[in-house]
Every structure is written in structure tokens, then in C-alpha cells.
N, C-alpha and C. Protein backbone atom coordinates (compact mmCIF):
# COMPACT_ATOMS: atom_id res chain seq x y z
N VAL A 1 -161.29 -148.18 34.31
CA VAL A 1 -161.39 -146.74 34.34
C VAL A 1 -160.90 -146.25 35.69
N ASN A 2 -160.02 -145.28 35.67
CA ASN A 2 -159.53 -144.67 36.90
C ASN A 2 -160.25 -143.36 37.14
N HIS A 3 -160.58 -143.09 38.38
CA HIS A 3 -161.20 -141.84 38.77
C HIS A 3 -160.38 -141.23 39.88
N LYS A 4 -160.33 -139.92 39.89
CA LYS A 4 -159.65 -139.20 40.96
C LYS A 4 -160.70 -138.57 41.85
N PHE A 5 -160.44 -138.59 43.13
CA PHE A 5 -161.35 -138.00 44.10
C PHE A 5 -160.65 -136.85 44.81
N ILE A 6 -161.41 -135.84 45.13
CA ILE A 6 -161.00 -134.83 46.09
C ILE A 6 -161.78 -135.19 47.35
N VAL A 7 -161.07 -135.49 48.40
CA VAL A 7 -161.71 -135.89 49.64
C VAL A 7 -161.41 -134.83 50.69
N ILE A 8 -162.44 -134.35 51.30
CA ILE A 8 -162.25 -133.40 52.40
C ILE A 8 -162.98 -133.95 53.61
N SER A 9 -162.32 -133.91 54.74
CA SER A 9 -162.89 -134.43 55.98
C SER A 9 -162.84 -133.33 57.04
N PRO A 10 -163.80 -132.42 57.00
CA PRO A 10 -163.79 -131.34 57.99
C PRO A 10 -164.05 -131.87 59.38
N GLN A 11 -163.41 -131.27 60.34
CA GLN A 11 -163.57 -131.64 61.74
C GLN A 11 -164.19 -130.45 62.48
N PHE A 12 -165.23 -130.70 63.21
CA PHE A 12 -165.93 -129.63 63.93
C PHE A 12 -165.93 -129.94 65.42
N THR A 13 -165.89 -128.89 66.22
CA THR A 13 -166.00 -129.08 67.66
C THR A 13 -167.45 -128.92 68.10
N ASP A 14 -168.24 -128.21 67.30
CA ASP A 14 -169.68 -128.08 67.53
C ASP A 14 -170.41 -128.68 66.35
N TRP A 15 -171.66 -129.03 66.56
CA TRP A 15 -172.47 -129.65 65.50
C TRP A 15 -172.55 -128.67 64.32
N PRO A 16 -172.07 -129.07 63.14
CA PRO A 16 -172.12 -128.16 61.99
C PRO A 16 -173.54 -128.03 61.44
N THR A 17 -173.78 -126.90 60.83
CA THR A 17 -175.09 -126.63 60.24
C THR A 17 -175.06 -126.93 58.74
N GLU A 18 -176.22 -126.88 58.13
CA GLU A 18 -176.28 -127.03 56.68
C GLU A 18 -175.51 -125.91 55.99
N THR A 19 -175.53 -124.72 56.58
CA THR A 19 -174.78 -123.59 56.03
C THR A 19 -173.29 -123.90 56.05
N ASP A 20 -172.81 -124.51 57.12
CA ASP A 20 -171.39 -124.91 57.18
C ASP A 20 -171.06 -125.86 56.04
N ALA A 21 -171.91 -126.87 55.83
CA ALA A 21 -171.67 -127.83 54.75
C ALA A 21 -171.72 -127.14 53.39
N ASP A 22 -172.69 -126.26 53.20
CA ASP A 22 -172.82 -125.53 51.94
C ASP A 22 -171.59 -124.66 51.69
N ASN A 23 -171.10 -124.00 52.73
CA ASN A 23 -169.91 -123.15 52.59
C ASN A 23 -168.69 -123.97 52.17
N ILE A 24 -168.55 -125.16 52.74
CA ILE A 24 -167.42 -126.02 52.37
C ILE A 24 -167.54 -126.45 50.91
N ILE A 25 -168.71 -126.89 50.52
CA ILE A 25 -168.92 -127.32 49.12
C ILE A 25 -168.65 -126.16 48.17
N ASN A 26 -169.19 -124.99 48.47
CA ASN A 26 -168.97 -123.83 47.59
C ASN A 26 -167.51 -123.43 47.53
N TYR A 27 -166.81 -123.52 48.65
CA TYR A 27 -165.37 -123.22 48.67
C TYR A 27 -164.61 -124.19 47.76
N LEU A 28 -164.93 -125.47 47.86
CA LEU A 28 -164.26 -126.47 47.04
C LEU A 28 -164.52 -126.23 45.55
N ILE A 29 -165.77 -125.93 45.21
CA ILE A 29 -166.11 -125.67 43.80
C ILE A 29 -165.35 -124.46 43.28
N ALA A 30 -165.22 -123.42 44.12
CA ALA A 30 -164.54 -122.19 43.70
C ALA A 30 -163.03 -122.34 43.61
N ASN A 31 -162.45 -123.29 44.36
CA ASN A 31 -160.99 -123.35 44.47
C ASN A 31 -160.33 -124.62 43.95
N TYR A 32 -161.12 -125.60 43.56
CA TYR A 32 -160.57 -126.87 43.10
C TYR A 32 -161.31 -127.32 41.84
N PRO A 33 -160.70 -128.20 41.05
CA PRO A 33 -161.37 -128.67 39.82
C PRO A 33 -162.43 -129.73 40.13
N VAL A 34 -163.53 -129.27 40.70
CA VAL A 34 -164.60 -130.16 41.14
C VAL A 34 -165.56 -130.41 39.98
N ASP A 35 -165.89 -131.66 39.75
CA ASP A 35 -166.94 -132.03 38.81
C ASP A 35 -168.25 -131.88 39.57
N ILE A 36 -169.01 -130.82 39.28
CA ILE A 36 -170.22 -130.54 40.06
C ILE A 36 -171.31 -131.60 39.87
N ASN A 37 -171.13 -132.45 38.89
CA ASN A 37 -172.09 -133.53 38.67
C ASN A 37 -171.77 -134.77 39.50
N ARG A 38 -170.64 -134.73 40.20
CA ARG A 38 -170.20 -135.89 40.98
C ARG A 38 -169.76 -135.48 42.38
N ILE A 39 -170.62 -134.74 43.05
CA ILE A 39 -170.36 -134.38 44.44
C ILE A 39 -171.14 -135.36 45.31
N TYR A 40 -170.42 -136.06 46.16
CA TYR A 40 -171.01 -137.06 47.05
C TYR A 40 -170.76 -136.63 48.48
N LEU A 41 -171.72 -136.88 49.33
CA LEU A 41 -171.55 -136.59 50.75
C LEU A 41 -171.61 -137.88 51.54
N THR A 42 -170.67 -138.02 52.44
CA THR A 42 -170.69 -139.12 53.38
C THR A 42 -170.15 -138.57 54.69
N GLY A 43 -170.58 -139.17 55.75
CA GLY A 43 -170.10 -138.76 57.06
C GLY A 43 -170.48 -139.83 58.05
N LEU A 44 -169.77 -139.83 59.17
CA LEU A 44 -170.05 -140.83 60.18
C LEU A 44 -170.49 -140.16 61.47
N SER A 45 -171.43 -140.79 62.13
CA SER A 45 -171.97 -140.33 63.39
C SER A 45 -172.55 -138.92 63.24
N MET A 46 -171.96 -137.92 63.90
CA MET A 46 -172.45 -136.55 63.76
C MET A 46 -172.39 -136.13 62.29
N GLY A 47 -171.32 -136.50 61.61
CA GLY A 47 -171.19 -136.17 60.19
C GLY A 47 -172.26 -136.81 59.35
N GLY A 48 -172.66 -138.04 59.71
CA GLY A 48 -173.77 -138.69 59.02
C GLY A 48 -175.08 -137.96 59.25
N GLY A 49 -175.25 -137.44 60.45
CA GLY A 49 -176.43 -136.63 60.74
C GLY A 49 -176.46 -135.36 59.91
N VAL A 50 -175.31 -134.75 59.73
CA VAL A 50 -175.22 -133.55 58.90
C VAL A 50 -175.56 -133.88 57.45
N VAL A 51 -175.10 -135.05 56.98
CA VAL A 51 -175.42 -135.48 55.61
C VAL A 51 -176.94 -135.60 55.45
N TRP A 52 -177.60 -136.25 56.41
CA TRP A 52 -179.06 -136.36 56.35
C TRP A 52 -179.71 -134.98 56.35
N ASN A 53 -179.29 -134.12 57.27
CA ASN A 53 -179.91 -132.80 57.40
C ASN A 53 -179.66 -131.93 56.17
N TYR A 54 -178.43 -131.92 55.69
CA TYR A 54 -178.10 -131.10 54.52
C TYR A 54 -178.91 -131.53 53.31
N SER A 55 -178.98 -132.83 53.10
CA SER A 55 -179.65 -133.37 51.91
C SER A 55 -181.16 -133.28 52.00
N GLY A 56 -181.69 -133.32 53.21
CA GLY A 56 -183.14 -133.38 53.36
C GLY A 56 -183.82 -132.06 53.63
N ASN A 57 -183.08 -131.08 54.09
CA ASN A 57 -183.71 -129.84 54.51
C ASN A 57 -183.93 -128.85 53.38
N ASP A 58 -183.30 -129.07 52.22
CA ASP A 58 -183.38 -128.10 51.13
C ASP A 58 -183.32 -128.85 49.80
N ILE A 59 -184.34 -128.69 48.99
CA ILE A 59 -184.40 -129.41 47.71
C ILE A 59 -183.23 -129.05 46.81
N SER A 60 -182.74 -127.82 46.88
CA SER A 60 -181.60 -127.45 46.04
C SER A 60 -180.35 -128.21 46.46
N HIS A 61 -180.21 -128.47 47.75
CA HIS A 61 -179.08 -129.29 48.22
C HIS A 61 -179.22 -130.71 47.69
N ALA A 62 -180.41 -131.30 47.85
CA ALA A 62 -180.63 -132.68 47.40
C ALA A 62 -180.44 -132.81 45.90
N ASN A 63 -180.83 -131.80 45.14
CA ASN A 63 -180.67 -131.84 43.68
C ASN A 63 -179.23 -131.63 43.25
N GLY A 64 -178.40 -131.05 44.11
CA GLY A 64 -177.02 -130.76 43.75
C GLY A 64 -176.02 -131.82 44.15
N ILE A 65 -176.50 -132.87 44.80
CA ILE A 65 -175.63 -133.94 45.28
C ILE A 65 -175.88 -135.18 44.43
N ALA A 66 -174.81 -135.86 44.06
CA ALA A 66 -174.94 -137.06 43.21
C ALA A 66 -175.27 -138.31 44.01
N GLY A 67 -175.03 -138.29 45.31
CA GLY A 67 -175.34 -139.44 46.15
C GLY A 67 -174.86 -139.19 47.56
N ILE A 68 -175.49 -139.87 48.51
CA ILE A 68 -175.07 -139.74 49.91
C ILE A 68 -174.88 -141.12 50.54
N VAL A 69 -173.91 -141.17 51.47
CA VAL A 69 -173.66 -142.38 52.24
C VAL A 69 -173.54 -141.98 53.72
N PRO A 70 -174.69 -141.84 54.41
CA PRO A 70 -174.62 -141.57 55.85
C PRO A 70 -174.26 -142.86 56.59
N VAL A 71 -173.28 -142.77 57.47
CA VAL A 71 -172.79 -143.94 58.20
C VAL A 71 -173.11 -143.73 59.68
N CYS A 72 -173.89 -144.62 60.25
CA CYS A 72 -174.37 -144.52 61.63
C CYS A 72 -174.78 -143.08 61.93
N GLY A 73 -175.53 -142.51 60.98
CA GLY A 73 -175.89 -141.10 61.05
C GLY A 73 -176.71 -140.74 62.27
N ALA A 74 -176.20 -139.78 63.01
CA ALA A 74 -176.88 -139.29 64.20
C ALA A 74 -177.84 -138.17 63.80
N GLY A 75 -178.81 -138.52 62.99
CA GLY A 75 -179.79 -137.56 62.53
C GLY A 75 -181.18 -138.15 62.64
N TYR A 76 -182.03 -137.49 63.42
CA TYR A 76 -183.39 -137.99 63.59
C TYR A 76 -184.10 -138.03 62.24
N PRO A 77 -184.81 -139.11 61.94
CA PRO A 77 -185.45 -139.27 60.63
C PRO A 77 -186.74 -138.45 60.48
N TYR A 78 -186.61 -137.27 59.94
CA TYR A 78 -187.76 -136.40 59.72
C TYR A 78 -188.47 -136.78 58.42
N PRO A 79 -189.78 -137.00 58.47
CA PRO A 79 -190.50 -137.32 57.24
C PRO A 79 -190.34 -136.27 56.14
N SER A 80 -190.29 -135.00 56.51
CA SER A 80 -190.14 -133.95 55.49
C SER A 80 -188.78 -134.05 54.80
N HIS A 81 -187.74 -134.40 55.55
CA HIS A 81 -186.41 -134.58 54.95
C HIS A 81 -186.43 -135.77 53.98
N ALA A 82 -187.06 -136.85 54.40
CA ALA A 82 -187.14 -138.04 53.55
C ALA A 82 -187.88 -137.71 52.26
N GLN A 83 -188.97 -136.96 52.36
CA GLN A 83 -189.75 -136.57 51.18
C GLN A 83 -188.91 -135.72 50.24
N THR A 84 -188.11 -134.81 50.78
CA THR A 84 -187.24 -133.96 49.96
C THR A 84 -186.23 -134.82 49.19
N MET A 85 -185.60 -135.76 49.87
CA MET A 85 -184.61 -136.62 49.20
C MET A 85 -185.27 -137.49 48.14
N ALA A 86 -186.46 -138.00 48.44
CA ALA A 86 -187.18 -138.82 47.45
C ALA A 86 -187.57 -137.97 46.25
N ALA A 87 -188.06 -136.76 46.50
CA ALA A 87 -188.49 -135.88 45.41
C ALA A 87 -187.32 -135.51 44.49
N ALA A 88 -186.13 -135.43 45.07
CA ALA A 88 -184.93 -135.11 44.28
C ALA A 88 -184.35 -136.35 43.61
N ASN A 89 -184.93 -137.51 43.90
CA ASN A 89 -184.40 -138.77 43.35
C ASN A 89 -182.92 -138.94 43.74
N LEU A 90 -182.63 -138.57 44.97
CA LEU A 90 -181.25 -138.60 45.47
C LEU A 90 -180.84 -140.03 45.79
N PRO A 91 -179.77 -140.53 45.19
CA PRO A 91 -179.27 -141.86 45.54
C PRO A 91 -178.76 -141.90 46.99
N VAL A 92 -179.23 -142.90 47.73
CA VAL A 92 -178.89 -143.03 49.15
C VAL A 92 -178.48 -144.47 49.44
N TRP A 93 -177.32 -144.61 50.10
CA TRP A 93 -176.93 -145.89 50.68
C TRP A 93 -176.47 -145.60 52.10
N ALA A 94 -177.25 -145.99 53.07
CA ALA A 94 -176.94 -145.73 54.47
C ALA A 94 -176.52 -147.01 55.16
N THR A 95 -175.57 -146.89 56.08
CA THR A 95 -175.10 -148.05 56.83
C THR A 95 -175.18 -147.76 58.33
N HIS A 96 -175.29 -148.84 59.09
CA HIS A 96 -175.39 -148.71 60.55
C HIS A 96 -175.08 -150.06 61.16
N ASN A 97 -174.65 -150.08 62.39
CA ASN A 97 -174.50 -151.34 63.12
C ASN A 97 -175.80 -151.68 63.83
N SER A 98 -176.09 -152.97 63.91
CA SER A 98 -177.34 -153.44 64.53
C SER A 98 -177.39 -153.12 66.02
N LEU A 99 -176.24 -153.09 66.67
CA LEU A 99 -176.19 -152.83 68.11
C LEU A 99 -175.42 -151.55 68.40
N ASP A 100 -175.70 -150.49 67.64
CA ASP A 100 -175.04 -149.20 67.86
C ASP A 100 -175.48 -148.65 69.21
N ASN A 101 -174.52 -148.35 70.06
CA ASN A 101 -174.82 -147.85 71.39
C ASN A 101 -174.71 -146.33 71.51
N VAL A 102 -174.53 -145.64 70.38
CA VAL A 102 -174.43 -144.18 70.38
C VAL A 102 -175.55 -143.56 69.54
N SER A 103 -175.71 -144.01 68.34
CA SER A 103 -176.75 -143.52 67.43
C SER A 103 -177.68 -144.69 67.11
N PRO A 104 -178.94 -144.60 67.47
CA PRO A 104 -179.83 -145.77 67.32
C PRO A 104 -179.99 -146.20 65.87
N PRO A 105 -179.92 -147.50 65.60
CA PRO A 105 -180.06 -148.00 64.24
C PRO A 105 -181.39 -147.63 63.59
N TYR A 106 -182.42 -147.38 64.41
CA TYR A 106 -183.71 -147.03 63.81
C TYR A 106 -183.64 -145.72 63.05
N TYR A 107 -182.65 -144.85 63.34
CA TYR A 107 -182.50 -143.62 62.54
C TYR A 107 -182.32 -143.99 61.06
N THR A 108 -181.40 -144.89 60.79
CA THR A 108 -181.15 -145.32 59.41
C THR A 108 -182.34 -146.10 58.86
N ILE A 109 -182.84 -147.05 59.63
CA ILE A 109 -183.95 -147.88 59.17
C ILE A 109 -185.16 -147.02 58.84
N ASP A 110 -185.50 -146.10 59.73
CA ASP A 110 -186.67 -145.25 59.51
C ASP A 110 -186.46 -144.30 58.33
N TYR A 111 -185.25 -143.73 58.21
CA TYR A 111 -185.01 -142.84 57.07
C TYR A 111 -185.21 -143.57 55.75
N ILE A 112 -184.64 -144.75 55.63
CA ILE A 112 -184.77 -145.51 54.38
C ILE A 112 -186.23 -145.86 54.12
N ASN A 113 -186.95 -146.30 55.15
CA ASN A 113 -188.37 -146.62 54.98
C ASN A 113 -189.17 -145.39 54.58
N LEU A 114 -188.87 -144.24 55.19
CA LEU A 114 -189.59 -143.01 54.85
C LEU A 114 -189.30 -142.56 53.42
N ILE A 115 -188.04 -142.65 53.01
CA ILE A 115 -187.67 -142.25 51.65
C ILE A 115 -188.38 -143.15 50.64
N ASN A 116 -188.25 -144.45 50.84
CA ASN A 116 -188.84 -145.40 49.89
C ASN A 116 -190.36 -145.44 49.94
N GLY A 117 -190.93 -145.01 51.05
CA GLY A 117 -192.38 -144.97 51.19
C GLY A 117 -192.99 -143.63 50.81
N SER A 118 -192.18 -142.73 50.26
CA SER A 118 -192.68 -141.42 49.85
C SER A 118 -193.72 -141.55 48.76
N SER A 119 -194.49 -140.50 48.58
CA SER A 119 -195.53 -140.52 47.55
C SER A 119 -194.94 -140.76 46.16
N THR A 120 -193.73 -140.28 45.95
CA THR A 120 -192.99 -140.58 44.71
C THR A 120 -191.64 -141.15 45.13
N PRO A 121 -191.54 -142.47 45.26
CA PRO A 121 -190.27 -143.07 45.71
C PRO A 121 -189.15 -142.83 44.69
N PRO A 122 -187.92 -142.77 45.17
CA PRO A 122 -186.80 -142.59 44.25
C PRO A 122 -186.56 -143.85 43.43
N SER A 123 -185.87 -143.65 42.32
CA SER A 123 -185.47 -144.79 41.48
C SER A 123 -184.01 -144.63 41.12
N PRO A 124 -183.16 -145.54 41.60
CA PRO A 124 -183.48 -146.73 42.39
C PRO A 124 -183.84 -146.34 43.82
N LEU A 125 -184.46 -147.30 44.50
CA LEU A 125 -184.83 -147.07 45.88
C LEU A 125 -183.60 -146.85 46.76
N ALA A 126 -183.78 -146.07 47.82
CA ALA A 126 -182.71 -145.89 48.80
C ALA A 126 -182.42 -147.25 49.43
N LYS A 127 -181.16 -147.45 49.81
CA LYS A 127 -180.79 -148.74 50.38
C LYS A 127 -180.07 -148.57 51.71
N LYS A 128 -180.16 -149.61 52.51
CA LYS A 128 -179.48 -149.60 53.80
C LYS A 128 -178.74 -150.91 53.99
N THR A 129 -177.66 -150.83 54.73
CA THR A 129 -176.94 -152.02 55.16
C THR A 129 -176.83 -151.92 56.67
N ILE A 130 -177.40 -152.90 57.35
CA ILE A 130 -177.30 -152.97 58.81
C ILE A 130 -176.34 -154.11 59.11
N PHE A 131 -175.16 -153.74 59.61
CA PHE A 131 -174.15 -154.74 59.95
C PHE A 131 -174.54 -155.43 61.25
N GLU A 132 -174.63 -156.75 61.20
CA GLU A 132 -174.90 -157.52 62.43
C GLU A 132 -173.60 -157.61 63.22
N VAL A 133 -173.62 -157.07 64.42
CA VAL A 133 -172.44 -157.08 65.28
C VAL A 133 -172.77 -157.81 66.58
N PRO A 134 -171.79 -158.49 67.16
CA PRO A 134 -172.07 -159.30 68.35
C PRO A 134 -172.23 -158.49 69.64
N THR A 135 -171.65 -157.30 69.68
CA THR A 135 -171.74 -156.47 70.88
C THR A 135 -171.97 -155.02 70.47
N ALA A 136 -172.37 -154.21 71.44
CA ALA A 136 -172.61 -152.79 71.18
C ALA A 136 -171.37 -152.16 70.56
N ASN A 137 -171.56 -151.50 69.43
CA ASN A 137 -170.43 -150.94 68.71
C ASN A 137 -170.94 -149.86 67.76
N HIS A 138 -170.40 -148.67 67.87
CA HIS A 138 -170.80 -147.53 67.03
C HIS A 138 -170.04 -147.51 65.70
N ASP A 139 -168.90 -148.16 65.64
CA ASP A 139 -168.01 -148.08 64.48
C ASP A 139 -168.52 -148.88 63.27
N ALA A 140 -169.39 -148.26 62.50
CA ALA A 140 -169.83 -148.86 61.24
C ALA A 140 -168.96 -148.36 60.08
N TRP A 141 -168.13 -147.36 60.32
CA TRP A 141 -167.35 -146.74 59.26
C TRP A 141 -166.19 -147.60 58.79
N THR A 142 -165.57 -148.37 59.69
CA THR A 142 -164.44 -149.20 59.27
C THR A 142 -164.87 -150.17 58.17
N ARG A 143 -165.99 -150.79 58.36
CA ARG A 143 -166.48 -151.74 57.34
C ARG A 143 -167.03 -151.00 56.12
N THR A 144 -167.79 -149.94 56.33
CA THR A 144 -168.39 -149.19 55.22
C THR A 144 -167.33 -148.69 54.25
N TYR A 145 -166.28 -148.10 54.77
CA TYR A 145 -165.26 -147.47 53.94
C TYR A 145 -164.17 -148.43 53.48
N ASP A 146 -164.24 -149.68 53.87
CA ASP A 146 -163.27 -150.69 53.43
C ASP A 146 -163.56 -151.03 51.96
N PRO A 147 -162.61 -150.77 51.05
CA PRO A 147 -162.86 -151.07 49.63
C PRO A 147 -163.19 -152.54 49.37
N ALA A 148 -162.80 -153.43 50.28
CA ALA A 148 -163.10 -154.85 50.10
C ALA A 148 -164.56 -155.19 50.44
N PHE A 149 -165.22 -154.31 51.20
CA PHE A 149 -166.64 -154.55 51.50
C PHE A 149 -167.48 -154.18 50.29
N LYS A 150 -168.19 -155.17 49.76
CA LYS A 150 -169.03 -154.95 48.60
C LYS A 150 -170.42 -155.49 48.86
N GLU A 151 -171.37 -154.81 48.31
CA GLU A 151 -172.76 -155.27 48.33
C GLU A 151 -173.28 -155.13 46.91
N ASN A 152 -173.88 -156.18 46.41
CA ASN A 152 -174.34 -156.19 45.01
C ASN A 152 -173.21 -155.84 44.05
N GLY A 153 -172.01 -156.32 44.37
CA GLY A 153 -170.87 -156.17 43.48
C GLY A 153 -170.15 -154.83 43.53
N ALA A 154 -170.55 -153.93 44.42
CA ALA A 154 -169.90 -152.61 44.46
C ALA A 154 -169.60 -152.21 45.90
N ASN A 155 -168.43 -151.57 46.09
CA ASN A 155 -168.15 -150.95 47.38
C ASN A 155 -168.75 -149.53 47.34
N VAL A 156 -168.64 -148.79 48.43
CA VAL A 156 -169.30 -147.48 48.46
C VAL A 156 -168.72 -146.52 47.42
N TYR A 157 -167.44 -146.64 47.12
CA TYR A 157 -166.82 -145.75 46.14
C TYR A 157 -167.33 -146.07 44.73
N GLU A 158 -167.40 -147.35 44.42
CA GLU A 158 -167.94 -147.76 43.11
C GLU A 158 -169.42 -147.40 43.01
N TRP A 159 -170.15 -147.56 44.11
CA TRP A 159 -171.56 -147.19 44.12
C TRP A 159 -171.72 -145.70 43.86
N MET A 160 -170.90 -144.89 44.55
CA MET A 160 -170.99 -143.44 44.33
C MET A 160 -170.79 -143.11 42.85
N LEU A 161 -169.76 -143.70 42.26
CA LEU A 161 -169.44 -143.37 40.88
C LEU A 161 -170.50 -143.82 39.87
N GLN A 162 -171.39 -144.70 40.28
CA GLN A 162 -172.50 -145.09 39.41
C GLN A 162 -173.55 -143.97 39.33
N ASN A 163 -173.45 -143.03 40.23
CA ASN A 163 -174.45 -141.97 40.34
C ASN A 163 -173.85 -140.62 39.96
N ARG A 164 -174.62 -139.85 39.22
CA ARG A 164 -174.18 -138.50 38.87
C ARG A 164 -175.40 -137.65 38.58
N ARG A 165 -175.21 -136.37 38.65
CA ARG A 165 -176.24 -135.39 38.28
C ARG A 165 -175.86 -134.84 36.92
N PHE A 166 -176.75 -134.17 36.30
CA PHE A 166 -176.48 -133.53 35.00
C PHE A 166 -176.81 -132.05 35.12
N LEU A 167 -175.92 -131.34 35.83
CA LEU A 167 -176.14 -129.93 36.15
C LEU A 167 -175.50 -128.97 35.16
N THR A 168 -174.58 -129.47 34.34
CA THR A 168 -173.90 -128.55 33.43
C THR A 168 -174.34 -128.78 32.01
């Protein structure tokens, strides 16, 4: 089966807000043939932090996303955000390097633990991949986005496509 993706990689000079992310998603829906049941968010570093914040700060956001892949996300793990994502049953696969010298790996580890430890854990459980690296390195995205990198038989793109919402 072949799938087509619309990929947008916005670049910001200042930390984007959830409103910025929402505006981009709404623009894409209004102007492109977007399958609203298959909107996935991924981002690296600051962008990964925005993915965490966007998905966790508003239940309507979490319910409208088919899955998220925060990569070395620079987003502090708020318990309320984790609870929101768990309550929405939002599929999550987060990646990080073990020796990240920019965004601490505990952000990803704690977020996954908080999501899975929620009063109503998601099904399937949120997952994390912590890449063991020999030296301090922030670049978890090269490996995460490499189609050859697979975990449990799927790369991140195949994993995303396993998840969908039923909004229409």
C-alpha cells in the first residue's frame, strides 16, 4: 500500500505557541487535501517541545491528532499535559539520545512514565526509544527519521500510519 504525505516543516525564530501550531494545521486543512483522521505531529528539539505542549495543553488538540513523535523534545514534562494525552488515548512514540547535552533525556523518560502512569493509561501505551550514544549528542533526529531504523518491525512513518482518528 502506498501512502502520500503532506509534510510541512515550519521554521521559527522564536519559540512557537500552541496557537501557532493550531494556525498552521488549520491553514493546511483549509488549503490542501488533508485527511483529518491522519494528522501526525513530530518535531525535534524546540519543535519536539511544541509537539508536547500542543498535544498536552488542550484535549481538543490531543483528540484531533492521530499520533505524535517528539524527538529530543525540549518540553518540560507537565503531569497535566501527560494526563491530557492519556485521556485522549493519543498514540505517542518519543525518542531521545541518552547523552543529550541540550535537552535532558529525562524530559522524554518522565513524559512517557507520566502518560503510562495516568489514572486511565492509553492503549497502546506510550513508548520511548532512548538511543545509547557514546558521547554528548543532541541529534536524535537523524536516526529517528531514517526509514531503515525500525523498532518492533516499524519505522516512525509506518508507526504513524498504524494510527488514525475517526473524526469524519
